[in-house]
Amino acid sequence: MYRAITRNIAVEVEPFYLVDQSEPAENRYVWGYRVTIENNSDEFVQLLSRYWHITDASGKVEEVRGPGVVGDQPELNPGDSYQYASGCPLSTPSGIMVGRYTMRNEAGEMFDIAIPAFSLDLPDARPRLN
């Protein structure tokens, strides 16, 4: 589990390898990840957009930007949480993802919250320190 907290909004990520969607012989490795966003602040917030910085084991970088998450722009009152799952294909057996969500509060202020960096590694892979 990976966790980051910005302005009392926690983002927790749990990645997992999707064996049934991966084809290692064809250099296709697919991971899923479950994200939980907890609004521990004292203000209403809405998630407007996402940004991902994805780096595979060969150093190739892909950037992904877009509105909301999985077709939703969730609204969170103080104490609310929101969870969703998504996925990421790579052409290498490992990688790393990091990003941010752009949020808006009730006063109309926009701000970014951190998505923690997390590893995408095969279940039986030996951990590598970079």
N, C-alpha and C. Protein backbone atom coordinates (compact mmCIF):
# COMPACT_ATOMS: atom_id res chain seq x y z
N MET A 1 0.84 -1.17 0.00
CA MET A 1 0.00 0.00 0.00
C MET A 1 0.89 1.24 0.00
N TYR A 2 0.57 2.19 -0.83
CA TYR A 2 1.31 3.45 -0.94
C TYR A 2 0.35 4.57 -0.55
N ARG A 3 0.86 5.59 0.16
CA ARG A 3 -0.04 6.62 0.69
C ARG A 3 0.62 8.00 0.65
N ALA A 4 -0.15 9.02 0.28
CA ALA A 4 0.29 10.42 0.32
C ALA A 4 -0.86 11.24 0.89
N ILE A 5 -0.50 12.30 1.62
CA ILE A 5 -1.51 13.18 2.20
C ILE A 5 -1.18 14.62 1.81
N THR A 6 -2.16 15.30 1.24
CA THR A 6 -2.05 16.71 0.86
C THR A 6 -3.28 17.44 1.38
N ARG A 7 -3.08 18.47 2.14
CA ARG A 7 -4.20 19.27 2.67
C ARG A 7 -5.25 18.40 3.36
N ASN A 8 -4.77 17.40 4.10
CA ASN A 8 -5.64 16.46 4.83
C ASN A 8 -6.52 15.62 3.92
N ILE A 9 -6.10 15.46 2.67
CA ILE A 9 -6.76 14.53 1.76
C ILE A 9 -5.77 13.42 1.47
N ALA A 10 -6.13 12.21 1.86
CA ALA A 10 -5.23 11.06 1.70
C ALA A 10 -5.54 10.32 0.40
N VAL A 11 -4.48 9.92 -0.29
CA VAL A 11 -4.61 9.09 -1.49
C VAL A 11 -3.80 7.82 -1.22
N GLU A 12 -4.48 6.69 -1.29
CA GLU A 12 -3.85 5.40 -1.04
C GLU A 12 -3.97 4.56 -2.30
N VAL A 13 -2.88 3.91 -2.70
CA VAL A 13 -2.86 3.11 -3.92
C VAL A 13 -2.38 1.70 -3.61
N GLU A 14 -3.09 0.73 -4.16
CA GLU A 14 -2.70 -0.67 -4.04
C GLU A 14 -2.60 -1.28 -5.44
N PRO A 15 -1.36 -1.46 -5.96
CA PRO A 15 -1.21 -2.05 -7.29
C PRO A 15 -1.23 -3.58 -7.22
N PHE A 16 -1.61 -4.21 -8.34
CA PHE A 16 -1.61 -5.67 -8.42
C PHE A 16 -1.42 -6.08 -9.89
N TYR A 17 -0.68 -7.17 -10.08
CA TYR A 17 -0.37 -7.67 -11.42
C TYR A 17 -1.55 -8.48 -11.96
N LEU A 18 -1.93 -8.24 -13.23
CA LEU A 18 -3.04 -8.94 -13.86
C LEU A 18 -2.50 -10.01 -14.81
N VAL A 19 -2.29 -11.19 -14.26
CA VAL A 19 -1.72 -12.30 -15.02
C VAL A 19 -2.56 -12.62 -16.24
N ASP A 20 -3.89 -12.66 -16.07
CA ASP A 20 -4.78 -13.08 -17.15
C ASP A 20 -4.82 -12.09 -18.32
N GLN A 21 -4.40 -10.85 -18.11
CA GLN A 21 -4.40 -9.86 -19.20
C GLN A 21 -3.00 -9.63 -19.77
N SER A 22 -2.00 -10.25 -19.16
CA SER A 22 -0.61 -10.05 -19.57
C SER A 22 -0.16 -11.15 -20.53
N GLU A 23 0.76 -10.78 -21.43
CA GLU A 23 1.37 -11.72 -22.39
C GLU A 23 2.88 -11.46 -22.39
N PRO A 24 3.61 -11.99 -21.40
CA PRO A 24 5.04 -11.70 -21.32
C PRO A 24 5.81 -12.06 -22.59
N ALA A 25 5.41 -13.10 -23.31
CA ALA A 25 6.10 -13.49 -24.54
C ALA A 25 5.96 -12.40 -25.61
N GLU A 26 4.95 -11.57 -25.48
CA GLU A 26 4.72 -10.48 -26.42
C GLU A 26 5.05 -9.11 -25.81
N ASN A 27 5.81 -9.13 -24.71
CA ASN A 27 6.19 -7.91 -23.99
C ASN A 27 4.97 -7.06 -23.61
N ARG A 28 3.96 -7.73 -23.09
CA ARG A 28 2.76 -7.03 -22.60
C ARG A 28 2.53 -7.45 -21.15
N TYR A 29 2.68 -6.48 -20.26
CA TYR A 29 2.50 -6.68 -18.82
C TYR A 29 1.45 -5.68 -18.35
N VAL A 30 0.44 -6.18 -17.65
CA VAL A 30 -0.67 -5.32 -17.25
C VAL A 30 -0.85 -5.37 -15.73
N TRP A 31 -0.97 -4.18 -15.15
CA TRP A 31 -1.23 -4.04 -13.72
C TRP A 31 -2.55 -3.34 -13.53
N GLY A 32 -3.23 -3.70 -12.47
CA GLY A 32 -4.38 -2.96 -11.99
C GLY A 32 -3.94 -2.20 -10.76
N TYR A 33 -4.69 -1.20 -10.41
CA TYR A 33 -4.42 -0.49 -9.16
C TYR A 33 -5.74 0.04 -8.61
N ARG A 34 -5.86 -0.06 -7.30
CA ARG A 34 -7.04 0.41 -6.60
C ARG A 34 -6.65 1.68 -5.84
N VAL A 35 -7.41 2.74 -6.04
CA VAL A 35 -7.13 4.02 -5.40
C VAL A 35 -8.26 4.36 -4.44
N THR A 36 -7.88 4.77 -3.24
CA THR A 36 -8.85 5.27 -2.27
C THR A 36 -8.47 6.71 -1.93
N ILE A 37 -9.44 7.61 -2.05
CA ILE A 37 -9.24 9.02 -1.72
C ILE A 37 -10.11 9.30 -0.50
N GLU A 38 -9.48 9.77 0.58
CA GLU A 38 -10.20 10.06 1.82
C GLU A 38 -10.12 11.55 2.11
N ASN A 39 -11.26 12.19 2.24
CA ASN A 39 -11.29 13.62 2.55
C ASN A 39 -11.34 13.79 4.07
N ASN A 40 -10.15 13.95 4.66
CA ASN A 40 -10.05 14.17 6.10
C ASN A 40 -9.95 15.65 6.44
N SER A 41 -10.23 16.49 5.45
CA SER A 41 -10.20 17.94 5.67
C SER A 41 -11.56 18.39 6.19
N ASP A 42 -11.70 19.68 6.44
CA ASP A 42 -12.97 20.20 6.92
C ASP A 42 -13.73 20.94 5.81
N GLU A 43 -13.36 20.64 4.54
CA GLU A 43 -14.04 21.31 3.43
C GLU A 43 -14.48 20.33 2.35
N PHE A 44 -15.53 20.67 1.64
CA PHE A 44 -16.01 19.94 0.48
C PHE A 44 -14.97 20.07 -0.63
N VAL A 45 -14.72 18.98 -1.36
CA VAL A 45 -13.82 19.03 -2.52
C VAL A 45 -14.40 18.19 -3.64
N GLN A 46 -14.01 18.55 -4.86
CA GLN A 46 -14.37 17.76 -6.04
C GLN A 46 -13.11 17.49 -6.83
N LEU A 47 -12.95 16.25 -7.28
CA LEU A 47 -11.83 15.86 -8.14
C LEU A 47 -12.19 16.25 -9.57
N LEU A 48 -11.38 17.14 -10.15
CA LEU A 48 -11.65 17.62 -11.51
C LEU A 48 -10.87 16.88 -12.58
N SER A 49 -9.58 16.62 -12.32
CA SER A 49 -8.75 16.00 -13.36
C SER A 49 -7.61 15.20 -12.73
N ARG A 50 -6.96 14.42 -13.60
CA ARG A 50 -5.85 13.58 -13.16
C ARG A 50 -4.65 13.80 -14.07
N TYR A 51 -3.47 13.52 -13.51
CA TYR A 51 -2.22 13.52 -14.28
C TYR A 51 -1.40 12.34 -13.78
N TRP A 52 -0.93 11.51 -14.71
CA TRP A 52 -0.06 10.37 -14.41
C TRP A 52 1.26 10.52 -15.15
N HIS A 53 2.34 10.19 -14.47
CA HIS A 53 3.68 10.11 -15.04
C HIS A 53 4.10 8.65 -14.87
N ILE A 54 4.17 7.93 -15.97
CA ILE A 54 4.42 6.49 -15.95
C ILE A 54 5.78 6.23 -16.61
N THR A 55 6.65 5.52 -15.90
CA THR A 55 7.97 5.19 -16.42
C THR A 55 8.15 3.68 -16.42
N ASP A 56 8.50 3.10 -17.58
CA ASP A 56 8.72 1.66 -17.61
C ASP A 56 10.19 1.35 -17.28
N ALA A 57 10.53 0.06 -17.24
CA ALA A 57 11.87 -0.36 -16.83
C ALA A 57 12.96 0.09 -17.79
N SER A 58 12.61 0.42 -19.03
CA SER A 58 13.61 0.89 -19.98
C SER A 58 13.77 2.41 -19.94
N GLY A 59 13.00 3.07 -19.08
CA GLY A 59 13.09 4.52 -18.96
C GLY A 59 12.12 5.28 -19.84
N LYS A 60 11.30 4.58 -20.61
CA LYS A 60 10.30 5.24 -21.46
C LYS A 60 9.22 5.86 -20.57
N VAL A 61 8.91 7.13 -20.85
CA VAL A 61 7.93 7.86 -20.05
C VAL A 61 6.66 8.10 -20.86
N GLU A 62 5.54 7.90 -20.20
CA GLU A 62 4.24 8.24 -20.79
C GLU A 62 3.52 9.14 -19.80
N GLU A 63 2.91 10.20 -20.30
CA GLU A 63 2.14 11.10 -19.47
C GLU A 63 0.68 11.00 -19.87
N VAL A 64 -0.19 10.91 -18.88
CA VAL A 64 -1.62 10.79 -19.12
C VAL A 64 -2.33 11.90 -18.37
N ARG A 65 -3.15 12.65 -19.08
CA ARG A 65 -3.95 13.73 -18.48
C ARG A 65 -5.39 13.54 -18.91
N GLY A 66 -6.31 13.93 -18.05
CA GLY A 66 -7.71 13.85 -18.45
C GLY A 66 -8.63 14.28 -17.35
N PRO A 67 -9.89 14.46 -17.70
CA PRO A 67 -10.88 14.84 -16.71
C PRO A 67 -11.23 13.68 -15.78
N GLY A 68 -11.38 13.97 -14.51
CA GLY A 68 -11.85 12.98 -13.55
C GLY A 68 -11.08 11.68 -13.52
N VAL A 69 -11.75 10.66 -13.01
CA VAL A 69 -11.19 9.31 -12.94
C VAL A 69 -12.28 8.33 -13.34
N VAL A 70 -11.97 7.38 -14.18
CA VAL A 70 -12.90 6.36 -14.69
C VAL A 70 -14.28 6.95 -15.01
N GLY A 71 -14.27 8.10 -15.69
CA GLY A 71 -15.51 8.72 -16.13
C GLY A 71 -16.29 9.45 -15.05
N ASP A 72 -15.67 9.70 -13.91
CA ASP A 72 -16.35 10.33 -12.79
C ASP A 72 -15.53 11.52 -12.28
N GLN A 73 -16.20 12.51 -11.76
CA GLN A 73 -15.56 13.63 -11.07
C GLN A 73 -16.16 13.68 -9.67
N PRO A 74 -15.68 12.78 -8.80
CA PRO A 74 -16.33 12.60 -7.50
C PRO A 74 -16.28 13.84 -6.62
N GLU A 75 -17.36 14.00 -5.85
CA GLU A 75 -17.47 15.06 -4.86
C GLU A 75 -17.35 14.41 -3.49
N LEU A 76 -16.52 15.00 -2.64
CA LEU A 76 -16.30 14.44 -1.31
C LEU A 76 -16.52 15.50 -0.24
N ASN A 77 -17.49 15.25 0.60
CA ASN A 77 -17.69 16.08 1.78
C ASN A 77 -16.67 15.68 2.84
N PRO A 78 -16.47 16.49 3.86
CA PRO A 78 -15.56 16.10 4.94
C PRO A 78 -15.94 14.72 5.49
N GLY A 79 -14.95 13.85 5.61
CA GLY A 79 -15.18 12.49 6.12
C GLY A 79 -15.52 11.47 5.05
N ASP A 80 -15.81 11.90 3.82
CA ASP A 80 -16.14 10.97 2.74
C ASP A 80 -14.89 10.31 2.16
N SER A 81 -15.09 9.16 1.55
CA SER A 81 -14.02 8.53 0.78
C SER A 81 -14.59 8.04 -0.54
N TYR A 82 -13.70 7.85 -1.50
CA TYR A 82 -14.08 7.41 -2.84
C TYR A 82 -13.04 6.40 -3.29
N GLN A 83 -13.49 5.31 -3.89
CA GLN A 83 -12.55 4.28 -4.34
C GLN A 83 -12.86 3.92 -5.79
N TYR A 84 -11.80 3.69 -6.56
CA TYR A 84 -11.97 3.22 -7.93
C TYR A 84 -10.79 2.34 -8.29
N ALA A 85 -10.94 1.58 -9.38
CA ALA A 85 -9.86 0.73 -9.87
C ALA A 85 -9.64 1.04 -11.34
N SER A 86 -8.39 0.95 -11.76
CA SER A 86 -8.03 1.17 -13.15
C SER A 86 -6.84 0.28 -13.47
N GLY A 87 -6.22 0.49 -14.63
CA GLY A 87 -5.12 -0.36 -15.01
C GLY A 87 -4.09 0.35 -15.87
N CYS A 88 -2.95 -0.32 -16.04
CA CYS A 88 -1.85 0.24 -16.80
C CYS A 88 -1.07 -0.87 -17.49
N PRO A 89 -1.02 -0.86 -18.84
CA PRO A 89 -0.18 -1.83 -19.55
C PRO A 89 1.22 -1.26 -19.75
N LEU A 90 2.22 -2.12 -19.68
CA LEU A 90 3.61 -1.74 -19.97
C LEU A 90 4.21 -2.77 -20.91
N SER A 91 5.27 -2.38 -21.59
CA SER A 91 5.99 -3.33 -22.45
C SER A 91 7.19 -3.93 -21.72
N THR A 92 7.38 -3.59 -20.46
CA THR A 92 8.48 -4.13 -19.64
C THR A 92 7.88 -4.76 -18.38
N PRO A 93 8.63 -5.66 -17.71
CA PRO A 93 8.08 -6.35 -16.54
C PRO A 93 8.05 -5.52 -15.26
N SER A 94 8.39 -4.25 -15.33
CA SER A 94 8.27 -3.40 -14.15
C SER A 94 8.19 -1.95 -14.58
N GLY A 95 7.79 -1.12 -13.64
CA GLY A 95 7.69 0.32 -13.89
C GLY A 95 7.30 1.05 -12.63
N ILE A 96 7.06 2.32 -12.79
CA ILE A 96 6.66 3.14 -11.65
C ILE A 96 5.66 4.18 -12.13
N MET A 97 4.69 4.48 -11.28
CA MET A 97 3.69 5.51 -11.58
C MET A 97 3.66 6.52 -10.44
N VAL A 98 3.41 7.76 -10.79
CA VAL A 98 3.23 8.84 -9.82
C VAL A 98 2.33 9.87 -10.47
N GLY A 99 1.66 10.67 -9.69
CA GLY A 99 0.78 11.64 -10.32
C GLY A 99 0.18 12.62 -9.35
N ARG A 100 -0.91 13.24 -9.83
CA ARG A 100 -1.62 14.21 -8.99
C ARG A 100 -3.06 14.34 -9.50
N TYR A 101 -3.92 14.74 -8.59
CA TYR A 101 -5.29 15.08 -8.92
C TYR A 101 -5.46 16.57 -8.72
N THR A 102 -6.19 17.21 -9.62
CA THR A 102 -6.56 18.60 -9.42
C THR A 102 -7.94 18.62 -8.80
N MET A 103 -8.03 19.32 -7.68
CA MET A 103 -9.25 19.39 -6.90
C MET A 103 -9.78 20.82 -6.89
N ARG A 104 -11.06 20.96 -6.54
CA ARG A 104 -11.66 22.28 -6.34
C ARG A 104 -12.47 22.23 -5.05
N ASN A 105 -12.32 23.28 -4.24
CA ASN A 105 -13.12 23.33 -3.01
C ASN A 105 -14.39 24.17 -3.25
N GLU A 106 -15.19 24.30 -2.21
CA GLU A 106 -16.47 24.99 -2.34
C GLU A 106 -16.31 26.47 -2.68
N ALA A 107 -15.18 27.06 -2.27
CA ALA A 107 -14.91 28.47 -2.58
C ALA A 107 -14.43 28.66 -4.02
N GLY A 108 -14.23 27.55 -4.76
CA GLY A 108 -13.78 27.64 -6.14
C GLY A 108 -12.28 27.59 -6.30
N GLU A 109 -11.54 27.46 -5.18
CA GLU A 109 -10.07 27.37 -5.24
C GLU A 109 -9.67 26.01 -5.82
N MET A 110 -8.77 26.05 -6.79
CA MET A 110 -8.25 24.81 -7.36
C MET A 110 -6.87 24.54 -6.80
N PHE A 111 -6.58 23.26 -6.52
CA PHE A 111 -5.28 22.87 -5.96
C PHE A 111 -5.00 21.42 -6.32
N ASP A 112 -3.74 21.05 -6.29
CA ASP A 112 -3.32 19.68 -6.61
C ASP A 112 -3.07 18.90 -5.34
N ILE A 113 -3.41 17.61 -5.39
CA ILE A 113 -3.04 16.69 -4.32
C ILE A 113 -2.19 15.59 -4.93
N ALA A 114 -1.25 15.09 -4.15
CA ALA A 114 -0.29 14.10 -4.63
C ALA A 114 -0.89 12.70 -4.68
N ILE A 115 -0.55 11.99 -5.75
CA ILE A 115 -0.76 10.55 -5.83
C ILE A 115 0.62 9.96 -5.55
N PRO A 116 0.77 9.10 -4.56
CA PRO A 116 2.11 8.62 -4.22
C PRO A 116 2.73 7.80 -5.35
N ALA A 117 4.05 7.85 -5.47
CA ALA A 117 4.76 6.99 -6.43
C ALA A 117 4.57 5.55 -5.97
N PHE A 118 4.30 4.67 -6.94
CA PHE A 118 4.17 3.25 -6.60
C PHE A 118 4.78 2.38 -7.69
N SER A 119 5.31 1.24 -7.25
CA SER A 119 6.00 0.30 -8.12
C SER A 119 5.03 -0.67 -8.78
N LEU A 120 5.33 -0.99 -10.03
CA LEU A 120 4.63 -2.04 -10.75
C LEU A 120 5.67 -3.13 -10.97
N ASP A 121 5.58 -4.19 -10.19
CA ASP A 121 6.57 -5.28 -10.24
C ASP A 121 5.86 -6.62 -10.33
N LEU A 122 6.47 -7.54 -11.06
CA LEU A 122 5.93 -8.89 -11.13
C LEU A 122 5.91 -9.49 -9.72
N PRO A 123 4.92 -10.31 -9.41
CA PRO A 123 4.79 -10.84 -8.05
C PRO A 123 6.04 -11.58 -7.54
N ASP A 124 6.74 -12.30 -8.41
CA ASP A 124 7.91 -13.06 -7.95
C ASP A 124 9.23 -12.36 -8.25
N ALA A 125 9.16 -11.13 -8.71
CA ALA A 125 10.40 -10.39 -9.06
C ALA A 125 11.15 -9.99 -7.81
N ARG A 126 12.47 -10.04 -7.93
CA ARG A 126 13.33 -9.56 -6.85
C ARG A 126 13.31 -8.06 -6.83
N PRO A 127 13.06 -7.43 -5.69
CA PRO A 127 13.04 -5.95 -5.65
C PRO A 127 14.38 -5.36 -6.06
N ARG A 128 14.31 -4.27 -6.82
CA ARG A 128 15.52 -3.54 -7.26
C ARG A 128 15.48 -2.16 -6.65
N LEU A 129 16.60 -1.73 -6.13
CA LEU A 129 16.70 -0.36 -5.63
C LEU A 129 17.25 0.51 -6.73
N ASN A 130 16.59 1.63 -6.98
CA ASN A 130 17.05 2.55 -8.04
C ASN A 130 17.75 3.73 -7.43
